[in-house]
Amino acid sequence: ILQSDDEHLSMFIENPYQENQDPESKGNQVAVENIKKRLELLYGDASALHMHQKPNAYQVEVKLPKQLTNENISR
């Protein structure tokens, strides 16, 4: 799902989730932290990565700025 407002483009990705899922399959969250750091380096505070656990689903939101300016990007 894509959503847009005046300043941001948000992408929502949702996958099924089972409460009795094997804890070993959760991983160590290195990829999530890596993505957060990359977004921050590229866009600063203008971007975000949010994760939401819903009943029987796991949702990720990636928020990016529509316009790139010197204030919200790194060089």
N, C-alpha and C. Protein backbone atom coordinates (compact mmCIF):
# COMPACT_ATOMS: atom_id res chain seq x y z
N ILE A 1 0.85 -1.16 0.00
CA ILE A 1 0.00 0.00 0.00
C ILE A 1 0.90 1.23 0.00
N LEU A 2 0.60 2.18 -0.87
CA LEU A 2 1.31 3.45 -0.90
C LEU A 2 0.38 4.56 -0.46
N GLN A 3 0.90 5.47 0.37
CA GLN A 3 0.15 6.65 0.78
C GLN A 3 1.04 7.86 0.62
N SER A 4 0.40 8.99 0.37
CA SER A 4 1.15 10.21 0.14
C SER A 4 0.49 11.38 0.86
N ASP A 5 1.31 12.27 1.41
CA ASP A 5 0.81 13.54 1.91
C ASP A 5 1.66 14.63 1.26
N ASP A 6 1.58 15.84 1.76
CA ASP A 6 2.30 16.95 1.12
C ASP A 6 3.81 16.76 1.14
N GLU A 7 4.33 16.11 2.16
CA GLU A 7 5.78 16.03 2.32
C GLU A 7 6.38 14.64 2.19
N HIS A 8 5.58 13.58 2.40
CA HIS A 8 6.14 12.23 2.47
C HIS A 8 5.40 11.23 1.59
N LEU A 9 6.12 10.21 1.21
CA LEU A 9 5.56 9.02 0.57
C LEU A 9 5.77 7.87 1.55
N SER A 10 4.70 7.17 1.88
CA SER A 10 4.78 6.05 2.82
C SER A 10 4.40 4.76 2.12
N MET A 11 5.19 3.73 2.36
CA MET A 11 4.95 2.41 1.80
C MET A 11 4.70 1.45 2.97
N PHE A 12 3.61 0.71 2.90
CA PHE A 12 3.26 -0.26 3.93
C PHE A 12 3.37 -1.67 3.34
N ILE A 13 4.07 -2.53 4.04
CA ILE A 13 4.24 -3.92 3.62
C ILE A 13 3.74 -4.79 4.77
N GLU A 14 2.90 -5.77 4.46
CA GLU A 14 2.32 -6.60 5.51
C GLU A 14 2.48 -8.07 5.15
N ASN A 15 2.90 -8.85 6.12
CA ASN A 15 3.07 -10.29 5.96
C ASN A 15 2.32 -11.02 7.07
N PRO A 16 1.84 -12.22 6.79
CA PRO A 16 1.18 -13.01 7.83
C PRO A 16 2.16 -13.33 8.96
N TYR A 17 1.62 -13.46 10.15
CA TYR A 17 2.42 -13.77 11.33
C TYR A 17 1.66 -14.77 12.18
N GLN A 18 2.36 -15.78 12.66
CA GLN A 18 1.74 -16.77 13.54
C GLN A 18 2.31 -16.61 14.94
N GLU A 19 1.43 -16.51 15.93
CA GLU A 19 1.89 -16.31 17.30
C GLU A 19 2.78 -17.45 17.80
N ASN A 20 2.57 -18.64 17.31
CA ASN A 20 3.37 -19.78 17.75
C ASN A 20 4.61 -19.98 16.88
N GLN A 21 5.02 -18.94 16.17
CA GLN A 21 6.19 -19.02 15.30
C GLN A 21 7.44 -19.31 16.12
N ASP A 22 8.33 -20.11 15.57
CA ASP A 22 9.57 -20.48 16.23
C ASP A 22 10.40 -19.24 16.54
N PRO A 23 10.78 -19.01 17.80
CA PRO A 23 11.57 -17.83 18.17
C PRO A 23 12.90 -17.75 17.43
N GLU A 24 13.46 -18.89 17.03
CA GLU A 24 14.72 -18.89 16.30
C GLU A 24 14.60 -18.17 14.96
N SER A 25 13.39 -18.12 14.40
CA SER A 25 13.22 -17.51 13.08
C SER A 25 13.13 -15.99 13.16
N LYS A 26 13.09 -15.42 14.36
CA LYS A 26 13.01 -13.96 14.50
C LYS A 26 14.31 -13.27 14.15
N GLY A 27 15.42 -13.95 14.22
CA GLY A 27 16.70 -13.36 13.88
C GLY A 27 17.22 -12.42 14.95
N ASN A 28 18.23 -11.66 14.58
CA ASN A 28 18.86 -10.77 15.56
C ASN A 28 18.63 -9.29 15.25
N GLN A 29 17.77 -8.97 14.29
CA GLN A 29 17.38 -7.60 13.96
C GLN A 29 18.51 -6.77 13.34
N VAL A 30 19.61 -7.39 12.90
CA VAL A 30 20.71 -6.65 12.29
C VAL A 30 20.24 -5.96 11.01
N ALA A 31 19.47 -6.63 10.19
CA ALA A 31 19.00 -6.03 8.93
C ALA A 31 18.12 -4.82 9.20
N VAL A 32 17.25 -4.91 10.19
CA VAL A 32 16.36 -3.79 10.53
C VAL A 32 17.19 -2.58 10.97
N GLU A 33 18.15 -2.79 11.84
CA GLU A 33 18.99 -1.69 12.30
C GLU A 33 19.81 -1.11 11.15
N ASN A 34 20.28 -1.95 10.25
CA ASN A 34 21.04 -1.50 9.08
C ASN A 34 20.18 -0.60 8.19
N ILE A 35 18.94 -1.01 7.95
CA ILE A 35 18.03 -0.21 7.12
C ILE A 35 17.75 1.13 7.79
N LYS A 36 17.50 1.13 9.09
CA LYS A 36 17.25 2.39 9.81
C LYS A 36 18.45 3.34 9.69
N LYS A 37 19.65 2.82 9.85
CA LYS A 37 20.85 3.65 9.76
C LYS A 37 21.03 4.20 8.35
N ARG A 38 20.78 3.38 7.34
CA ARG A 38 20.91 3.84 5.96
C ARG A 38 19.91 4.94 5.64
N LEU A 39 18.66 4.77 6.09
CA LEU A 39 17.65 5.80 5.87
C LEU A 39 18.05 7.11 6.55
N GLU A 40 18.55 7.00 7.78
CA GLU A 40 18.97 8.20 8.50
C GLU A 40 20.14 8.88 7.81
N LEU A 41 21.11 8.10 7.33
CA LEU A 41 22.25 8.69 6.63
C LEU A 41 21.82 9.38 5.33
N LEU A 42 20.88 8.78 4.62
CA LEU A 42 20.44 9.35 3.35
C LEU A 42 19.49 10.53 3.50
N TYR A 43 18.55 10.43 4.44
CA TYR A 43 17.46 11.41 4.52
C TYR A 43 17.35 12.12 5.86
N GLY A 44 18.18 11.78 6.82
CA GLY A 44 18.10 12.41 8.13
C GLY A 44 16.76 12.14 8.80
N ASP A 45 16.23 13.16 9.46
CA ASP A 45 14.96 13.02 10.18
C ASP A 45 13.75 12.99 9.26
N ALA A 46 13.96 13.19 7.96
CA ALA A 46 12.83 13.23 7.02
C ALA A 46 12.32 11.83 6.67
N SER A 47 13.01 10.79 7.11
CA SER A 47 12.58 9.42 6.81
C SER A 47 12.30 8.67 8.11
N ALA A 48 11.62 7.53 7.96
CA ALA A 48 11.33 6.71 9.14
C ALA A 48 11.08 5.27 8.72
N LEU A 49 11.32 4.36 9.65
CA LEU A 49 11.00 2.95 9.48
C LEU A 49 10.28 2.52 10.75
N HIS A 50 9.03 2.10 10.59
CA HIS A 50 8.23 1.67 11.74
C HIS A 50 7.74 0.24 11.51
N MET A 51 7.74 -0.55 12.57
CA MET A 51 7.24 -1.91 12.51
C MET A 51 6.10 -2.07 13.49
N HIS A 52 5.04 -2.73 13.05
CA HIS A 52 3.86 -2.92 13.88
C HIS A 52 3.45 -4.39 13.84
N GLN A 53 3.29 -4.99 15.00
CA GLN A 53 2.77 -6.35 15.07
C GLN A 53 1.27 -6.26 15.31
N LYS A 54 0.52 -6.80 14.39
CA LYS A 54 -0.94 -6.83 14.48
C LYS A 54 -1.36 -8.27 14.71
N PRO A 55 -2.61 -8.50 15.06
CA PRO A 55 -3.06 -9.89 15.19
C PRO A 55 -2.89 -10.62 13.85
N ASN A 56 -2.08 -11.64 13.85
CA ASN A 56 -1.86 -12.49 12.68
C ASN A 56 -1.15 -11.81 11.52
N ALA A 57 -0.55 -10.64 11.74
CA ALA A 57 0.18 -9.96 10.66
C ALA A 57 1.26 -9.07 11.26
N TYR A 58 2.27 -8.83 10.46
CA TYR A 58 3.38 -7.96 10.83
C TYR A 58 3.47 -6.90 9.75
N GLN A 59 3.44 -5.62 10.11
CA GLN A 59 3.43 -4.54 9.13
C GLN A 59 4.66 -3.66 9.29
N VAL A 60 5.24 -3.28 8.16
CA VAL A 60 6.38 -2.38 8.14
C VAL A 60 5.97 -1.15 7.33
N GLU A 61 6.31 0.02 7.87
CA GLU A 61 6.08 1.28 7.16
C GLU A 61 7.42 1.93 6.87
N VAL A 62 7.66 2.28 5.62
CA VAL A 62 8.85 3.03 5.22
C VAL A 62 8.36 4.40 4.76
N LYS A 63 8.87 5.44 5.39
CA LYS A 63 8.44 6.80 5.07
C LYS A 63 9.64 7.57 4.50
N LEU A 64 9.45 8.15 3.31
CA LEU A 64 10.51 8.89 2.63
C LEU A 64 10.03 10.28 2.28
N PRO A 65 10.95 11.26 2.23
CA PRO A 65 10.54 12.60 1.82
C PRO A 65 10.27 12.64 0.32
N LYS A 66 9.28 13.44 -0.08
CA LYS A 66 8.97 13.59 -1.51
C LYS A 66 10.03 14.43 -2.21
N GLN A 67 10.51 15.45 -1.53
CA GLN A 67 11.51 16.32 -2.13
C GLN A 67 12.80 16.22 -1.34
N LEU A 68 13.89 16.12 -2.07
CA LEU A 68 15.19 16.06 -1.42
C LEU A 68 15.76 17.47 -1.36
N THR A 69 16.19 17.86 -0.18
CA THR A 69 16.83 19.15 0.02
C THR A 69 18.15 18.93 0.73
N ASN A 70 18.96 19.96 0.79
CA ASN A 70 20.23 19.84 1.50
C ASN A 70 20.01 19.55 2.98
N GLU A 71 18.86 19.95 3.53
CA GLU A 71 18.59 19.72 4.94
C GLU A 71 18.25 18.27 5.25
N ASN A 72 17.66 17.54 4.28
CA ASN A 72 17.23 16.18 4.60
C ASN A 72 18.01 15.09 3.87
N ILE A 73 19.13 15.45 3.26
CA ILE A 73 19.98 14.41 2.67
C ILE A 73 21.42 14.64 3.11
N SER A 74 22.17 13.57 3.11
CA SER A 74 23.60 13.69 3.41
C SER A 74 24.37 13.72 2.10
N ARG A 75 25.56 14.18 2.17
CA ARG A 75 26.39 14.24 0.95
C ARG A 75 27.47 13.21 1.01
